[in-house]
C-alpha atoms as a PDB file:
ATOM      1  CA  MET A   1       0.000   0.000   0.000  1.00  0.00           C
ATOM      2  CA  GLY A   2       1.206   3.508  -0.831  1.00  0.00           C
ATOM      3  CA  ALA A   3       1.446   6.386   1.606  1.00  0.00           C
ATOM      4  CA  ARG A   4      -1.766   8.314   2.163  1.00  0.00           C
ATOM      5  CA  SER A   5      -1.935  12.010   1.416  1.00  0.00           C
ATOM      6  CA  SER A   6      -3.300  14.415   4.002  1.00  0.00           C
ATOM      7  CA  THR A   7      -5.591  15.927   1.327  1.00  0.00           C
ATOM      8  CA  SER A   8      -8.641  13.853   0.458  1.00  0.00           C
ATOM      9  CA  GLU A   9      -9.679  13.222  -3.146  1.00  0.00           C
ATOM     10  CA  ALA A  10     -12.896  15.177  -2.543  1.00  0.00           C
ATOM     11  CA  GLU A  11     -10.909  18.199  -1.312  1.00  0.00           C
ATOM     12  CA  VAL A  12      -8.671  18.086  -4.382  1.00  0.00           C
ATOM     13  CA  ASP A  13     -11.712  17.829  -6.696  1.00  0.00           C
ATOM     14  CA  GLU A  14     -13.381  20.775  -4.945  1.00  0.00           C
ATOM     15  CA  ARG A  15     -10.219  22.890  -5.145  1.00  0.00           C
ATOM     16  CA  ASP A  16      -9.756  22.031  -8.851  1.00  0.00           C
ATOM     17  CA  ALA A  17     -13.391  22.942  -9.581  1.00  0.00           C
ATOM     18  CA  LYS A  18     -12.977  26.308  -7.855  1.00  0.00           C
ATOM     19  CA  GLU A  19      -9.777  27.016  -9.800  1.00  0.00           C
ATOM     20  CA  ALA A  20     -11.393  26.018 -13.112  1.00  0.00           C
ATOM     21  CA  GLY A  21     -14.393  28.237 -12.393  1.00  0.00           C
ATOM     22  CA  ARG A  22     -12.178  31.169 -11.509  1.00  0.00           C
ATOM     23  CA  TYR A  23     -10.168  30.840 -14.724  1.00  0.00           C
ATOM     24  CA  ALA A  24     -13.289  30.407 -16.833  1.00  0.00           C
ATOM     25  CA  ARG A  25     -14.749  33.631 -15.389  1.00  0.00           C
ATOM     26  CA  ASP A  26     -11.471  35.428 -16.166  1.00  0.00           C
ATOM     27  CA  VAL A  27     -11.674  34.438 -19.832  1.00  0.00           C
ATOM     28  CA  VAL A  28     -15.382  34.449 -20.728  1.00  0.00           C
ATOM     29  CA  PRO A  29     -17.848  35.912 -18.222  1.00  0.00           C
ATOM     30  CA  GLU A  30     -21.629  35.776 -18.694  1.00  0.00           C
ATOM     31  CA  ARG A  31     -22.837  36.379 -22.233  1.00  0.00           C
ATOM     32  CA  SER A  32     -24.660  39.684 -21.940  1.00  0.00           C
ATOM     33  CA  GLY A  33     -23.085  41.384 -24.953  1.00  0.00           C
ATOM     34  CA  GLU A  34     -22.357  44.615 -23.067  1.00  0.00           C
ATOM     35  CA  ARG A  35     -18.639  44.709 -23.948  1.00  0.00           C
ATOM     36  CA  THR A  36     -17.022  42.630 -26.646  1.00  0.00           C
ATOM     37  CA  VAL A  37     -13.301  42.395 -27.218  1.00  0.00           C
ATOM     38  CA  GLU A  38     -11.953  40.591 -30.260  1.00  0.00           C
ATOM     39  CA  VAL A  39      -8.601  38.860 -30.044  1.00  0.00           C
ATOM     40  CA  ARG A  40      -6.949  37.815 -33.316  1.00  0.00           C
ATOM     41  CA  VAL A  41      -4.086  35.333 -32.938  1.00  0.00           C
ATOM     42  CA  GLU A  42      -1.888  34.349 -35.858  1.00  0.00           C
ATOM     43  CA  LEU A  43       1.550  32.903 -36.349  1.00  0.00           C
ATOM     44  CA  LYS A  44       4.497  35.266 -36.639  1.00  0.00           C
ATOM     45  CA  PRO A  45       6.302  35.484 -39.985  1.00  0.00           C
ATOM     46  CA  GLY A  46       8.766  32.623 -40.320  1.00  0.00           C
ATOM     47  CA  VAL A  47       6.774  30.195 -38.153  1.00  0.00           C
ATOM     48  CA  PHE A  48       5.593  27.264 -40.250  1.00  0.00           C
ATOM     49  CA  ASP A  49       1.802  27.143 -40.577  1.00  0.00           C
ATOM     50  CA  ALA A  50       1.001  23.498 -41.334  1.00  0.00           C
ATOM     51  CA  GLU A  51      -2.726  24.132 -41.604  1.00  0.00           C
ATOM     52  CA  ALA A  52      -2.260  26.927 -44.145  1.00  0.00           C
ATOM     53  CA  ASP A  53       0.224  24.813 -46.104  1.00  0.00           C
ATOM     54  CA  GLY A  54      -2.255  21.937 -46.322  1.00  0.00           C
ATOM     55  CA  ILE A  55      -5.080  24.241 -47.379  1.00  0.00           C
ATOM     56  CA  ALA A  56      -2.912  25.841 -50.076  1.00  0.00           C
ATOM     57  CA  LYS A  57      -1.958  22.432 -51.490  1.00  0.00           C
ATOM     58  CA  SER A  58      -5.591  21.287 -51.485  1.00  0.00           C
ATOM     59  CA  LEU A  59      -6.809  24.460 -53.187  1.00  0.00           C
ATOM     60  CA  ARG A  60      -4.224  24.057 -55.935  1.00  0.00           C
ATOM     61  CA  LEU A  61      -5.308  20.425 -56.410  1.00  0.00           C
ATOM     62  CA  LEU A  62      -8.886  21.678 -56.732  1.00  0.00           C
ATOM     63  CA  GLY A  63      -7.792  23.875 -59.628  1.00  0.00           C
ATOM     64  CA  ILE A  64      -7.798  27.229 -57.857  1.00  0.00           C
ATOM     65  CA  ALA A  65      -5.065  28.926 -59.847  1.00  0.00           C
ATOM     66  CA  ASP A  66      -2.832  31.907 -59.097  1.00  0.00           C
ATOM     67  CA  LEU A  67      -2.956  31.316 -55.345  1.00  0.00           C
ATOM     68  CA  ALA A  68      -0.157  33.401 -53.845  1.00  0.00           C
ATOM     69  CA  GLY A  69      -0.483  31.919 -50.360  1.00  0.00           C
ATOM     70  CA  VAL A  70      -2.689  31.087 -47.398  1.00  0.00           C
ATOM     71  CA  ASP A  71      -2.427  32.311 -43.819  1.00  0.00           C
ATOM     72  CA  THR A  72      -4.503  31.149 -40.882  1.00  0.00           C
ATOM     73  CA  ALA A  73      -5.625  33.041 -37.797  1.00  0.00           C
ATOM     74  CA  ARG A  74      -7.902  32.365 -34.873  1.00  0.00           C
ATOM     75  CA  LEU A  75     -10.461  34.949 -33.756  1.00  0.00           C
ATOM     76  CA  TYR A  76     -11.788  34.960 -30.198  1.00  0.00           C
ATOM     77  CA  ARG A  77     -14.741  37.164 -29.184  1.00  0.00           C
ATOM     78  CA  LEU A  78     -14.725  37.678 -25.441  1.00  0.00           C
ATOM     79  CA  ARG A  79     -17.951  39.144 -24.049  1.00  0.00           C
ATOM     80  CA  PHE A  80     -17.929  40.901 -20.678  1.00  0.00           C
ATOM     81  CA  SER A  81     -20.785  42.182 -18.540  1.00  0.00           C
ATOM     82  CA  GLY A  82     -20.834  44.816 -15.853  1.00  0.00           C
ATOM     83  CA  ILE A  83     -17.452  46.385 -16.665  1.00  0.00           C
ATOM     84  CA  GLY A  84     -16.234  49.280 -18.756  1.00  0.00           C
ATOM     85  CA  GLU A  85     -14.359  49.185 -22.049  1.00  0.00           C
ATOM     86  CA  GLU A  86     -10.908  49.677 -20.515  1.00  0.00           C
ATOM     87  CA  GLU A  87     -11.420  46.893 -17.972  1.00  0.00           C
ATOM     88  CA  ALA A  88     -12.786  44.560 -20.673  1.00  0.00           C
ATOM     89  CA  ARG A  89      -9.686  45.188 -22.767  1.00  0.00           C
ATOM     90  CA  ARG A  90      -7.414  44.638 -19.748  1.00  0.00           C
ATOM     91  CA  ARG A  91      -9.096  41.316 -18.987  1.00  0.00           C
ATOM     92  CA  ALA A  92      -8.853  40.239 -22.623  1.00  0.00           C
ATOM     93  CA  GLU A  93      -5.140  41.037 -22.612  1.00  0.00           C
ATOM     94  CA  ARG A  94      -4.762  38.973 -19.438  1.00  0.00           C
ATOM     95  CA  ALA A  95      -6.543  36.081 -21.207  1.00  0.00           C
ATOM     96  CA  VAL A  96      -4.059  36.383 -24.071  1.00  0.00           C
ATOM     97  CA  GLU A  97      -1.104  36.249 -21.676  1.00  0.00           C
ATOM     98  CA  ARG A  98      -2.478  33.325 -19.678  1.00  0.00           C
ATOM     99  CA  LEU A  99      -4.070  31.136 -22.324  1.00  0.00           C
ATOM    100  CA  LEU A 100      -4.820  32.331 -25.841  1.00  0.00           C
ATOM    101  CA  ALA A 101      -1.367  32.954 -27.327  1.00  0.00           C
ATOM    102  CA  ASN A 102       2.290  32.038 -27.050  1.00  0.00           C
ATOM    103  CA  PRO A 103       4.368  35.220 -27.438  1.00  0.00           C
ATOM    104  CA  VAL A 104       7.247  33.261 -28.960  1.00  0.00           C
ATOM    105  CA  ILE A 105       5.272  32.163 -32.037  1.00  0.00           C
ATOM    106  CA  HIS A 106       2.101  34.289 -32.145  1.00  0.00           C
ATOM    107  CA  LYS A 107       1.311  37.860 -32.981  1.00  0.00           C
ATOM    108  CA  VAL A 108      -1.853  39.191 -31.376  1.00  0.00           C
ATOM    109  CA  GLU A 109      -4.267  41.993 -32.129  1.00  0.00           C
ATOM    110  CA  VAL A 110      -6.761  43.042 -29.438  1.00  0.00           C
ATOM    111  CA  ARG A 111      -9.600  45.424 -30.274  1.00  0.00           C
ATOM    112  CA  THR A 112     -12.840  46.448 -28.641  1.00  0.00           C
ATOM    113  CA  VAL A 113     -16.014  46.086 -30.677  1.00  0.00           C
ATOM    114  CA  ALA A 114     -18.799  48.682 -30.609  1.00  0.00           C
ATOM    115  CA  PRO A 115     -21.997  47.459 -28.922  1.00  0.00           C
ATOM    116  CA  ASP A 116     -24.776  46.292 -31.267  1.00  0.00           C
ATOM    117  CA  GLY A 117     -26.799  49.166 -32.606  1.00  0.00           C
ATOM    118  CA  ALA A 118     -24.123  51.766 -31.864  1.00  0.00           C
END
């Protein structure tokens, strides 16, 4: 038999659930649509983009001529409620630093989006 830990499995599960909930709230709070921040993440020049390379090859095989190249990017729309534009942008930038991008290989663009109807 192995040594027993002083922390029970239930305590670990509860702690992990609290941590996961806290991080999820940091990234995407309730969907009210009050403040939206778009985060565009793409590979830096010189970093091989395997997905784009595969798409370019497939398009050429499909007969799409004169294709100069393909680049891929990922767009995240983070919606925040109950906070101002500056705070929404700050939280989006924190999400980029903590989860959404690797500064070694990605370039990132963060922009706030006008509310619907504005």
